[in-house]
Protein backbone atom coordinates (compact mmCIF):
# COMPACT_ATOMS: atom_id res chain seq x y z
CA UNK A 1 123.37 -90.32 135.73
CA UNK A 2 121.11 -87.24 135.84
CA UNK A 3 121.32 -85.00 132.82
CA UNK A 4 122.63 -81.54 133.66
CA UNK A 5 120.08 -79.98 131.32
CA UNK A 6 117.13 -81.12 133.46
CA UNK A 7 115.57 -78.36 135.60
CA UNK A 8 116.02 -80.29 138.85
CA UNK A 9 119.67 -81.07 138.17
CA UNK A 10 120.42 -77.45 137.20
CA UNK A 11 118.87 -76.08 140.39
CA UNK A 12 120.67 -78.71 142.47
CA UNK A 13 124.06 -77.84 141.00
CA UNK A 14 123.37 -74.07 141.15
CA UNK A 15 122.42 -74.14 144.83
CA UNK A 16 125.44 -76.27 145.64
CA UNK A 17 127.78 -73.87 143.84
CA UNK A 18 126.17 -70.94 145.66
CA UNK A 19 126.76 -72.62 149.03
CA UNK A 20 130.36 -73.28 147.99
CA UNK A 21 130.71 -69.56 147.26
CA UNK A 22 129.38 -68.79 150.74
CA UNK A 23 131.81 -71.30 152.25
CA UNK A 24 134.73 -69.78 150.34
CA UNK A 25 133.97 -66.25 151.47
CA UNK A 26 132.59 -66.71 154.97
CA UNK A 27 134.16 -69.80 156.54
CA UNK A 28 135.24 -68.81 160.08
CA UNK A 29 134.62 -65.19 159.08
CA UNK A 30 134.73 -64.09 162.73
CA UNK A 31 138.43 -65.00 163.16
CA UNK A 32 140.58 -61.84 163.66
CA UNK A 33 143.20 -60.87 161.12
CA UNK A 34 143.12 -59.15 157.72
CA UNK A 35 145.57 -58.10 155.08
CA UNK A 36 146.87 -54.66 156.09
CA UNK A 37 144.54 -52.81 153.69
CA UNK A 38 141.64 -54.72 155.20
CA UNK A 39 142.12 -53.02 158.57
CA UNK A 40 142.40 -49.66 156.82
CA UNK A 41 139.22 -49.97 154.77
CA UNK A 42 137.25 -51.58 157.61
CA UNK A 43 138.26 -48.72 159.90
CA UNK A 44 136.94 -46.15 157.41
CA UNK A 45 133.55 -47.87 157.39
CA UNK A 46 133.53 -48.22 161.19
CA UNK A 47 134.40 -44.56 161.71
CA UNK A 48 131.70 -43.50 159.26
CA UNK A 49 129.14 -45.44 161.31
CA UNK A 50 130.40 -44.38 164.75
CA UNK A 51 131.80 -40.88 164.21
CA UNK A 52 129.88 -39.61 161.20
CA UNK A 53 132.89 -39.60 158.84
CA UNK A 54 130.64 -40.27 155.85
CA UNK A 55 131.69 -37.68 153.31
CA UNK A 56 135.42 -37.69 154.11
CA UNK A 57 136.83 -41.02 155.38
CA UNK A 58 138.84 -40.79 158.61
CA UNK A 59 141.30 -43.21 160.22
CA UNK A 60 142.69 -41.56 163.39
CA UNK A 61 143.39 -38.05 164.64
CA UNK A 62 147.06 -38.31 163.64
CA UNK A 63 147.01 -40.48 160.50
CA UNK A 64 144.55 -39.92 157.67
CA UNK A 65 142.23 -37.78 159.77
CA UNK A 66 140.90 -36.76 156.35
CA UNK A 67 141.60 -39.50 153.82
CA UNK A 68 141.57 -38.35 150.19
CA UNK A 69 143.24 -41.22 148.32
CA UNK A 70 139.89 -42.86 147.52
CA UNK A 71 136.33 -41.67 147.15
CA UNK A 72 134.11 -42.44 150.17
CA UNK A 73 131.38 -44.38 148.33
CA UNK A 74 132.40 -47.94 149.32
CA UNK A 75 133.15 -46.85 152.88
CA UNK A 76 129.67 -45.32 153.09
CA UNK A 77 128.13 -48.64 152.03
CA UNK A 78 130.32 -50.45 154.53
CA UNK A 79 129.42 -47.95 157.24
CA UNK A 80 125.71 -48.52 156.60
CA UNK A 81 126.22 -52.26 157.11
CA UNK A 82 128.15 -51.60 160.33
CA UNK A 83 125.44 -49.20 161.45
CA UNK A 84 122.85 -51.94 161.06
CA UNK A 85 124.79 -54.96 162.37
CA UNK A 86 127.79 -53.55 164.24
CA UNK A 87 131.45 -53.43 163.21
CA UNK A 88 133.26 -56.75 163.61
CA UNK A 89 135.50 -59.09 161.66
CA UNK A 90 132.37 -61.05 160.72
CA UNK A 91 130.44 -58.07 159.33
CA UNK A 92 133.55 -56.72 157.58
CA UNK A 93 133.98 -60.03 155.76
CA UNK A 94 130.23 -60.17 155.11
CA UNK A 95 130.55 -56.83 153.32
CA UNK A 96 133.09 -58.27 150.86
CA UNK A 97 131.15 -61.50 150.51
CA UNK A 98 127.98 -59.66 149.45
CA UNK A 99 129.67 -58.30 146.33
CA UNK A 100 131.29 -61.66 145.60
CA UNK A 101 127.88 -63.36 145.75
CA UNK A 102 126.20 -60.59 143.72
CA UNK A 103 128.81 -61.12 141.00
CA UNK A 104 127.98 -64.85 141.13
CA UNK A 105 124.30 -63.96 140.51
CA UNK A 106 125.08 -61.68 137.55
CA UNK A 107 127.28 -64.36 135.98
CA UNK A 108 124.41 -66.81 136.27
CA UNK A 109 122.10 -64.22 134.70
CA UNK A 110 124.33 -64.45 131.64
CA UNK A 111 123.24 -68.09 131.20
CA UNK A 112 120.94 -67.06 128.35
CA UNK A 113 124.06 -66.55 126.26
CA UNK A 114 125.72 -69.81 127.34
CA UNK A 115 124.78 -73.22 126.06
CA UNK A 116 124.43 -76.50 127.95
CA UNK A 117 126.71 -76.92 130.94
CA UNK A 118 128.75 -73.77 130.31
CA UNK A 119 127.05 -71.54 132.99
CA UNK A 120 127.88 -74.04 135.75
CA UNK A 121 131.45 -74.53 134.57
CA UNK A 122 131.86 -70.74 134.55
CA UNK A 123 130.48 -70.43 138.10
CA UNK A 124 132.77 -73.23 139.30
CA UNK A 125 135.80 -71.51 137.79
CA UNK A 126 134.76 -68.16 139.26
CA UNK A 127 134.40 -69.27 142.88
CA UNK A 128 137.65 -71.26 142.82
CA UNK A 129 140.05 -68.64 141.39
CA UNK A 130 142.86 -68.80 144.00
CA UNK A 131 143.78 -65.07 144.19
CA UNK A 132 140.09 -64.15 144.39
CA UNK A 133 139.51 -66.67 147.19
CA UNK A 134 142.17 -64.78 149.19
CA UNK A 135 140.91 -61.29 148.40
CA UNK A 136 137.29 -62.07 149.27
CA UNK A 137 138.39 -62.81 152.83
CA UNK A 138 138.96 -59.16 153.76
CA UNK A 139 137.18 -55.85 153.06
CA UNK A 140 138.51 -53.97 150.05
CA UNK A 141 137.22 -51.67 147.32
CA UNK A 142 138.07 -53.98 144.41
CA UNK A 143 135.32 -56.53 145.15
CA UNK A 144 132.54 -53.90 144.88
CA UNK A 145 134.32 -52.67 141.75
CA UNK A 146 134.25 -56.21 140.32
CA UNK A 147 130.48 -56.40 140.81
CA UNK A 148 129.90 -52.97 139.23
CA UNK A 149 132.10 -53.95 136.25
CA UNK A 150 130.17 -57.18 135.67
CA UNK A 151 126.78 -55.48 136.11
CA UNK A 152 127.86 -52.75 133.67
CA UNK A 153 128.93 -55.44 131.17
CA UNK A 154 125.63 -57.29 131.57
CA UNK A 155 123.49 -54.24 130.82
CA UNK A 156 125.86 -53.19 128.02
CA UNK A 157 125.29 -56.53 126.30
CA UNK A 158 121.55 -56.32 126.90
CA UNK A 159 121.60 -52.83 125.37
CA UNK A 160 123.35 -53.85 122.14
CA UNK A 161 121.33 -57.04 121.63
CA UNK A 162 117.88 -56.33 123.11
CA UNK A 163 116.54 -53.14 124.69
CA UNK A 164 118.41 -49.85 124.12
CA UNK A 165 117.09 -48.55 127.47
CA UNK A 166 119.64 -50.81 129.17
CA UNK A 167 122.24 -48.20 128.25
CA UNK A 168 120.96 -46.17 131.21
CA UNK A 169 121.55 -49.03 133.64
CA UNK A 170 124.93 -49.57 132.00
CA UNK A 171 125.69 -45.89 132.62
CA UNK A 172 124.51 -46.14 136.22
CA UNK A 173 126.99 -48.92 137.00
CA UNK A 174 129.70 -47.03 135.15
CA UNK A 175 129.00 -44.13 137.50
CA UNK A 176 129.12 -46.38 140.56
CA UNK A 177 132.46 -47.72 139.30
CA UNK A 178 133.72 -44.13 139.05
CA UNK A 179 132.58 -43.50 142.61
CA UNK A 180 134.36 -46.67 143.70
CA UNK A 181 137.80 -46.24 142.12
CA UNK A 182 137.86 -43.12 140.01
CA UNK A 183 139.70 -43.30 136.67
CA UNK A 184 139.97 -47.11 136.74
CA UNK A 185 136.29 -47.05 135.74
CA UNK A 186 137.24 -45.59 132.34
CA UNK A 187 138.36 -49.10 131.43
CA UNK A 188 134.64 -49.79 130.99
CA UNK A 189 133.88 -47.43 128.07
CA UNK A 190 137.16 -48.44 126.45
CA UNK A 191 136.25 -52.14 126.70
CA UNK A 192 132.75 -51.37 125.41
CA UNK A 193 134.24 -49.58 122.42
CA UNK A 194 136.53 -52.56 121.72
CA UNK A 195 133.51 -54.88 121.97
CA UNK A 196 131.59 -52.77 119.46
CA UNK A 197 134.55 -52.84 117.07
CA UNK A 198 135.19 -56.59 117.24
CA UNK A 199 131.48 -57.50 117.18
CA UNK A 200 130.93 -55.11 114.26
CA UNK A 201 128.31 -53.17 116.20
CA UNK A 202 129.71 -49.65 115.89
CA UNK A 203 126.34 -48.49 114.56
CA UNK A 204 125.29 -48.41 118.24
CA UNK A 205 127.26 -45.19 118.59
CA UNK A 206 124.88 -43.47 116.15
CA UNK A 207 122.16 -43.77 118.80
CA UNK A 208 121.75 -41.19 121.52
CA UNK A 209 121.16 -43.71 124.33
CA UNK A 210 124.83 -44.83 124.71
CA UNK A 211 125.92 -41.22 125.10
CA UNK A 212 123.14 -40.46 127.54
CA UNK A 213 124.18 -43.54 129.53
CA UNK A 214 127.78 -42.26 129.60
CA UNK A 215 126.54 -38.85 130.70
CA UNK A 216 124.44 -40.46 133.44
CA UNK A 217 127.57 -42.17 134.78
CA UNK A 218 129.41 -38.85 134.93
CA UNK A 219 126.42 -37.24 136.66
CA UNK A 220 126.38 -40.04 139.26
CA UNK A 221 130.06 -39.41 139.98
CA UNK A 222 129.55 -35.64 140.17
CA UNK A 223 127.33 -36.08 143.23
CA UNK A 224 130.49 -36.52 145.34
CA UNK A 225 132.39 -33.30 144.41
CA UNK A 226 129.13 -31.31 144.47
CA UNK A 227 128.37 -32.56 147.97
CA UNK A 228 131.92 -31.71 149.05
CA UNK A 229 131.51 -28.20 147.65
CA UNK A 230 128.21 -27.68 149.48
CA UNK A 231 129.85 -28.79 152.75
CA UNK A 232 132.96 -26.59 152.27
CA UNK A 233 135.14 -29.66 151.75
CA UNK A 234 135.94 -29.21 148.06
CA UNK A 235 139.66 -29.20 148.87
CA UNK A 236 139.31 -32.96 149.48
CA UNK A 237 138.29 -33.42 145.85
CA UNK A 238 141.24 -31.24 144.74
CA UNK A 239 143.63 -33.33 146.83
CA UNK A 240 142.08 -36.55 145.44
CA UNK A 241 142.44 -35.23 141.88
CA UNK A 242 146.08 -34.28 142.45
CA UNK A 243 146.91 -37.63 144.08
CA UNK A 244 145.06 -39.68 141.44
CA UNK A 245 145.89 -37.92 138.19
CA UNK A 246 149.18 -36.18 138.98
CA UNK A 247 150.97 -38.30 141.60
CA UNK A 248 149.57 -41.71 140.61
CA UNK A 249 149.05 -41.55 136.83
CA UNK A 250 151.35 -38.76 135.59
CA UNK A 251 154.22 -39.24 138.04
CA UNK A 252 153.76 -43.02 138.22
CA UNK A 253 153.37 -43.71 141.93
CA UNK A 254 155.04 -46.92 143.13
CA UNK A 255 157.80 -49.11 141.72
CA UNK A 256 157.76 -49.64 137.97
CA UNK A 257 157.00 -53.20 136.80
CA UNK A 258 157.41 -54.83 133.37
CA UNK A 259 154.46 -54.96 130.97
CA UNK A 260 154.12 -58.74 131.39
CA UNK A 261 153.81 -58.60 135.21
CA UNK A 262 150.09 -59.47 135.28
CA UNK A 263 150.51 -62.29 132.77
CA UNK A 264 153.24 -63.83 134.92
CA UNK A 265 151.08 -63.34 138.03
CA UNK A 266 148.15 -65.22 136.45
CA UNK A 267 150.39 -68.04 135.26
CA UNK A 268 151.82 -68.41 138.78
CA UNK A 269 148.72 -67.88 140.89
CA UNK A 270 145.87 -69.18 138.71
CA UNK A 271 147.59 -71.40 136.12
CA UNK A 272 144.67 -73.72 135.31
CA UNK A 273 142.17 -70.88 135.09
CA UNK A 274 144.42 -68.67 132.96
CA UNK A 275 145.50 -71.45 130.58
CA UNK A 276 141.85 -72.47 130.09
CA UNK A 277 140.99 -68.82 129.42
CA UNK A 278 143.70 -68.72 126.73
CA UNK A 279 142.09 -71.77 125.12
CA UNK A 280 138.69 -70.08 125.46
CA UNK A 281 140.06 -66.95 123.80
CA UNK A 282 141.25 -69.06 120.86
CA UNK A 283 137.83 -70.71 120.41
CA UNK A 284 136.07 -67.36 120.76
CA UNK A 285 138.11 -65.91 117.91
CA UNK A 286 137.12 -68.90 115.79
CA UNK A 287 133.38 -68.96 116.55
CA UNK A 288 132.86 -65.17 116.65
CA UNK A 289 129.88 -65.45 118.99
CA UNK A 290 128.94 -61.85 119.88
CA UNK A 291 128.61 -62.54 123.63
CA UNK A 292 131.94 -64.32 123.75
CA UNK A 293 133.58 -61.57 121.68
CA UNK A 294 132.39 -58.99 124.21
CA UNK A 295 133.71 -61.09 127.11
CA UNK A 296 137.04 -61.46 125.29
CA UNK A 297 137.20 -57.69 124.74
CA UNK A 298 136.53 -56.96 128.41
CA UNK A 299 139.01 -59.49 129.80
CA UNK A 300 141.93 -58.64 127.56
CA UNK A 301 141.01 -54.97 127.51
CA UNK A 302 141.28 -54.82 131.31
CA UNK A 303 144.48 -56.90 131.50
CA UNK A 304 146.30 -55.11 128.67
CA UNK A 305 145.27 -51.60 129.72
CA UNK A 306 146.26 -52.26 133.34
CA UNK A 307 149.57 -53.66 132.08
CA UNK A 308 150.36 -50.31 130.44
CA UNK A 309 150.55 -48.64 133.87
CA UNK A 310 154.06 -48.43 135.30
CA UNK A 311 153.01 -49.72 138.74
CA UNK A 312 150.98 -52.89 139.20
CA UNK A 313 149.17 -54.45 142.16
CA UNK A 314 147.52 -57.86 142.12
CA UNK A 315 144.21 -56.55 143.48
CA UNK A 316 143.78 -54.40 140.35
CA UNK A 317 143.08 -57.62 138.42
CA UNK A 318 140.00 -58.48 140.49
CA UNK A 319 137.47 -56.90 138.04
CA UNK A 320 138.91 -59.11 135.27
CA UNK A 321 138.34 -62.42 137.09
CA UNK A 322 134.66 -62.96 136.15
CA UNK A 323 135.54 -62.53 132.47
CA UNK A 324 138.50 -64.90 132.85
CA UNK A 325 136.10 -67.45 134.39
CA UNK A 326 133.78 -67.21 131.36
CA UNK A 327 136.66 -67.64 128.91
CA UNK A 328 138.03 -70.55 130.97
CA UNK A 329 134.60 -72.20 130.86
CA UNK A 330 134.46 -71.75 127.09
CA UNK A 331 137.89 -73.37 126.81
CA UNK A 332 136.87 -76.39 128.90
CA UNK A 333 133.55 -77.11 127.16
CA UNK A 334 135.34 -77.02 123.80
CA UNK A 335 138.16 -79.30 124.93
CA UNK A 336 136.39 -81.89 127.09
CA UNK A 337 133.50 -84.11 125.89
CA UNK A 338 130.10 -83.12 127.31
CA UNK A 339 129.69 -86.53 128.98
CA UNK A 340 132.67 -85.97 131.27
CA UNK A 341 131.64 -82.40 132.06
CA UNK A 342 128.16 -83.58 133.07
CA UNK A 343 129.67 -86.28 135.27
CA UNK A 344 131.85 -83.70 136.99
CA UNK A 345 128.97 -81.25 137.53
CA UNK A 346 126.73 -83.98 138.94
CA UNK A 347 129.54 -84.88 141.34
CA UNK A 348 129.82 -81.30 142.66
CA UNK A 349 127.33 -81.82 145.55
CA UNK A 350 129.37 -84.81 146.73
CA UNK A 351 132.63 -82.90 146.30
CA UNK A 352 131.11 -80.08 148.33
CA UNK A 353 130.25 -82.51 151.13
CA UNK A 354 133.79 -83.92 151.11
CA UNK A 355 135.31 -80.41 151.06
CA UNK A 356 133.11 -79.30 153.96
CA UNK A 357 134.11 -82.30 156.06
CA UNK A 358 137.76 -81.77 155.18
CA UNK A 359 137.58 -78.15 156.30
CA UNK A 360 135.99 -79.24 159.56
CA UNK A 361 138.72 -81.81 160.17
CA UNK A 362 141.60 -79.71 158.77
CA UNK A 363 140.34 -76.12 159.09
CA UNK A 364 142.34 -73.54 157.15
CA UNK A 365 140.82 -70.30 158.38
CA UNK A 366 140.04 -70.87 162.07
CA UNK A 367 143.30 -69.36 163.34
CA UNK A 368 144.81 -65.89 163.19
CA UNK A 369 147.21 -65.81 160.25
CA UNK A 370 148.34 -62.18 160.25
CA UNK A 371 149.86 -60.12 163.06
CA UNK A 372 149.65 -63.23 165.24
CA UNK A 373 152.18 -61.94 167.74
CA UNK A 374 150.42 -58.59 168.05
CA UNK A 375 147.10 -60.28 168.77
CA UNK A 376 148.77 -62.46 171.42
CA UNK A 377 150.28 -59.38 173.06
CA UNK A 378 146.91 -57.65 172.99
CA UNK A 379 145.36 -60.70 174.67
CA UNK A 380 147.92 -60.41 177.46
CA UNK A 381 147.12 -56.70 177.84
CA UNK A 382 143.39 -57.41 177.88
CA UNK A 383 143.77 -60.10 180.55
CA UNK A 384 145.12 -57.48 182.98
CA UNK A 385 142.77 -54.69 181.81
CA UNK A 386 145.58 -52.68 180.24
CA UNK A 387 144.65 -50.88 177.04
CA UNK A 388 147.55 -48.78 175.73
CA UNK A 389 146.69 -45.32 174.45
CA UNK A 390 149.89 -45.09 172.42
CA UNK A 391 151.96 -47.62 170.52
CA UNK A 392 155.55 -46.71 169.64
CA UNK A 393 157.50 -48.48 166.88
CA UNK A 394 161.18 -47.74 167.42
CA UNK A 395 163.51 -47.69 164.45
CA UNK A 396 160.99 -49.27 162.08
CA UNK A 397 161.28 -52.74 163.65
CA UNK A 398 157.62 -53.45 162.82
CA UNK A 399 155.65 -52.32 159.71
CA UNK A 400 154.03 -49.06 160.78
CA UNK A 401 150.90 -49.24 158.63
CA UNK A 402 150.16 -52.83 159.66
CA UNK A 403 150.02 -51.88 163.34
CA UNK A 404 148.52 -48.43 162.81
CA UNK A 405 145.64 -49.71 160.67
CA UNK A 406 144.96 -52.60 163.07
CA UNK A 407 144.86 -50.24 166.04
CA UNK A 408 142.64 -47.79 164.16
CA UNK A 409 140.20 -50.59 163.26
CA UNK A 410 139.96 -51.66 166.90
CA UNK A 411 139.91 -48.14 168.39
CA UNK A 412 140.50 -44.94 166.40
CA UNK A 413 141.57 -43.10 169.58
CA UNK A 414 144.67 -45.30 169.94
CA UNK A 415 147.69 -43.55 168.44
CA UNK A 416 150.52 -45.42 166.69
CA UNK A 417 153.80 -43.55 166.33
CA UNK A 418 157.01 -44.31 164.48
CA UNK A 419 160.02 -42.96 166.35
CA UNK A 420 163.80 -43.25 166.30
CA UNK A 421 165.79 -44.80 169.15
CA UNK A 422 167.54 -41.53 170.15
CA UNK A 423 164.21 -39.66 170.23
CA UNK A 424 162.43 -42.17 172.47
CA UNK A 425 165.40 -42.36 174.84
CA UNK A 426 165.26 -38.57 175.22
CA UNK A 427 161.63 -38.62 176.40
CA UNK A 428 160.62 -37.83 179.97
CA UNK A 429 159.42 -40.51 182.40
CA UNK A 430 155.71 -39.74 182.10
CA UNK A 431 155.49 -40.71 178.40
CA UNK A 432 155.45 -44.41 179.27
CA UNK A 433 152.55 -44.51 181.72
CA UNK A 434 150.02 -45.82 179.19
CA UNK A 435 152.00 -46.95 176.17
CA UNK A 436 153.37 -50.07 174.54
CA UNK A 437 156.68 -50.04 172.70
CA UNK A 438 158.00 -52.28 169.91
CA UNK A 439 161.80 -52.21 169.76
CA UNK A 440 164.91 -54.21 169.03
CA UNK A 441 166.62 -56.06 171.88
CA UNK A 442 169.33 -53.42 172.23
CA UNK A 443 166.86 -50.53 172.40
CA UNK A 444 164.48 -52.48 174.66
CA UNK A 445 167.25 -53.12 177.20
CA UNK A 446 168.27 -49.45 177.08
CA UNK A 447 164.68 -48.31 177.68
CA UNK A 448 164.14 -50.66 180.61
CA UNK A 449 167.42 -49.56 182.12
CA UNK A 450 166.62 -45.85 181.78
CA UNK A 451 162.91 -45.98 182.73
CA UNK A 452 162.36 -48.08 185.83
CA UNK A 453 158.60 -48.05 185.24
CA UNK A 454 158.98 -50.10 182.03
CA UNK A 455 159.37 -53.84 181.64
CA UNK A 456 159.71 -56.28 178.75
CA UNK A 457 156.47 -58.20 178.21
CA UNK A 458 157.06 -60.35 175.16
CA UNK A 459 159.30 -61.13 172.23
CA UNK A 460 158.08 -61.66 168.68
CA UNK A 461 160.43 -64.45 167.77
CA UNK A 462 160.59 -64.29 163.98
CA UNK A 463 162.05 -60.79 163.89
CA UNK A 464 163.37 -60.67 167.46
CA UNK A 465 161.13 -57.71 168.34
CA UNK A 466 160.69 -56.91 172.03
CA UNK A 467 157.41 -55.54 173.38
CA UNK A 468 157.58 -53.21 176.38
CA UNK A 469 154.85 -51.92 178.70
CA UNK A 470 154.54 -50.27 182.17
CA UNK A 471 155.41 -52.68 184.99
CA UNK A 472 152.45 -51.54 187.08
CA UNK A 473 150.07 -52.61 184.33
CA UNK A 474 151.69 -55.95 183.54
CA UNK A 475 152.53 -58.66 186.08
CA UNK A 476 156.16 -59.71 186.34
CA UNK A 477 155.80 -62.98 184.41
CA UNK A 478 158.71 -64.38 182.42
CA UNK A 479 159.00 -62.95 178.91
CA UNK A 480 156.46 -64.58 176.62
CA UNK A 481 157.64 -65.55 173.15
CA UNK A 482 155.20 -65.31 170.25
CA UNK A 483 155.61 -65.80 166.55
CA UNK A 484 155.06 -62.58 164.66
């Protein structure tokens, strides 16, 4: 058996793990279908590249023409990628994958603080975290945030143990985190402060460099509101501030959840990883290694502070996953004899080969998984060269934002409207010349009876939703039944 500590074996395992990370994030990346937010965020990047909506993200003329809920930084980066390589499902997933792989690289850079096989165990845990494997498959702002958090942590640790100038790089990534998700980035200085307390390094705060680094981060963030002010768009910043600090934080946007929600989520969705991280936390408290103490402070600082918020979403945990992977690795190397760990790591290339063949034989991501019925209907429309300008959802039979964001991603000029049954039945005949309608069976039959130009095209079987379109555009085939 090769020893894992040999240079050849380390490179072999590292490259294999990196290819596994690529496989996890990019397998069949061209297949249509995202989580709903994926369409939304991909559309912002696409519209930045095609319509110049760089400073203020834009979805469509009628919904989020000027989007102020998030800063535009990530959408600008995404738009630059689309500008270079075109906007597609492949490039949208590539955008997320880049930050996933960059986080992988930073974790490996931390190997100087990890002994023996620990770096490879950490990387294995990181790329196999189940909730992260799902989130990396669609564009979102939390994956860039994860990378900026880890990079900020890396330079923070370098600053307190080696060169104080690293505080400036730490501050830079703090600023990029602010530009990515606003006040969530303040978890970073709080976690740094906790790290300094528990590692007994508070003397660092007597230096000027940490404060200059913090100031640099604030200056980086200030570029956005200053640019808005120069372009007479400062009201966007005011709306963002009101939504973020008043509506979201002060007034507690969303449904309230118990404090332990995230703990339960990790136990359910990443049980092995979370339990191993608990073991790793225990060993860290015993050994008091400064690097491990800092990791512990960041992981639990993020989880506990996020748990204090009244509303909780699973994607908010993404920045904590790299730190959970490190703690899980620490737990494993302290529980399992080194011999068995080395055997497992040396088997990774073979496991990768088996996994690759299994995915070829039993592919998991080569089919549309979301909005399947909608994509089937769109294929029917495309086959007869009919491209609806308006989509109507009658009586809320289909989730509005799912369809609206999908349509905006494909073509921002397509308008999606939510309308009541009485209102659509009161419309004049000409409204239905270039539209598609999603309705219940009762409403669909009433529409077809009132407007002779309309016909039922398909039925989404799971929810018994009927899709209607102009007869002249669609051939009179029997009603096609698709799963939603």
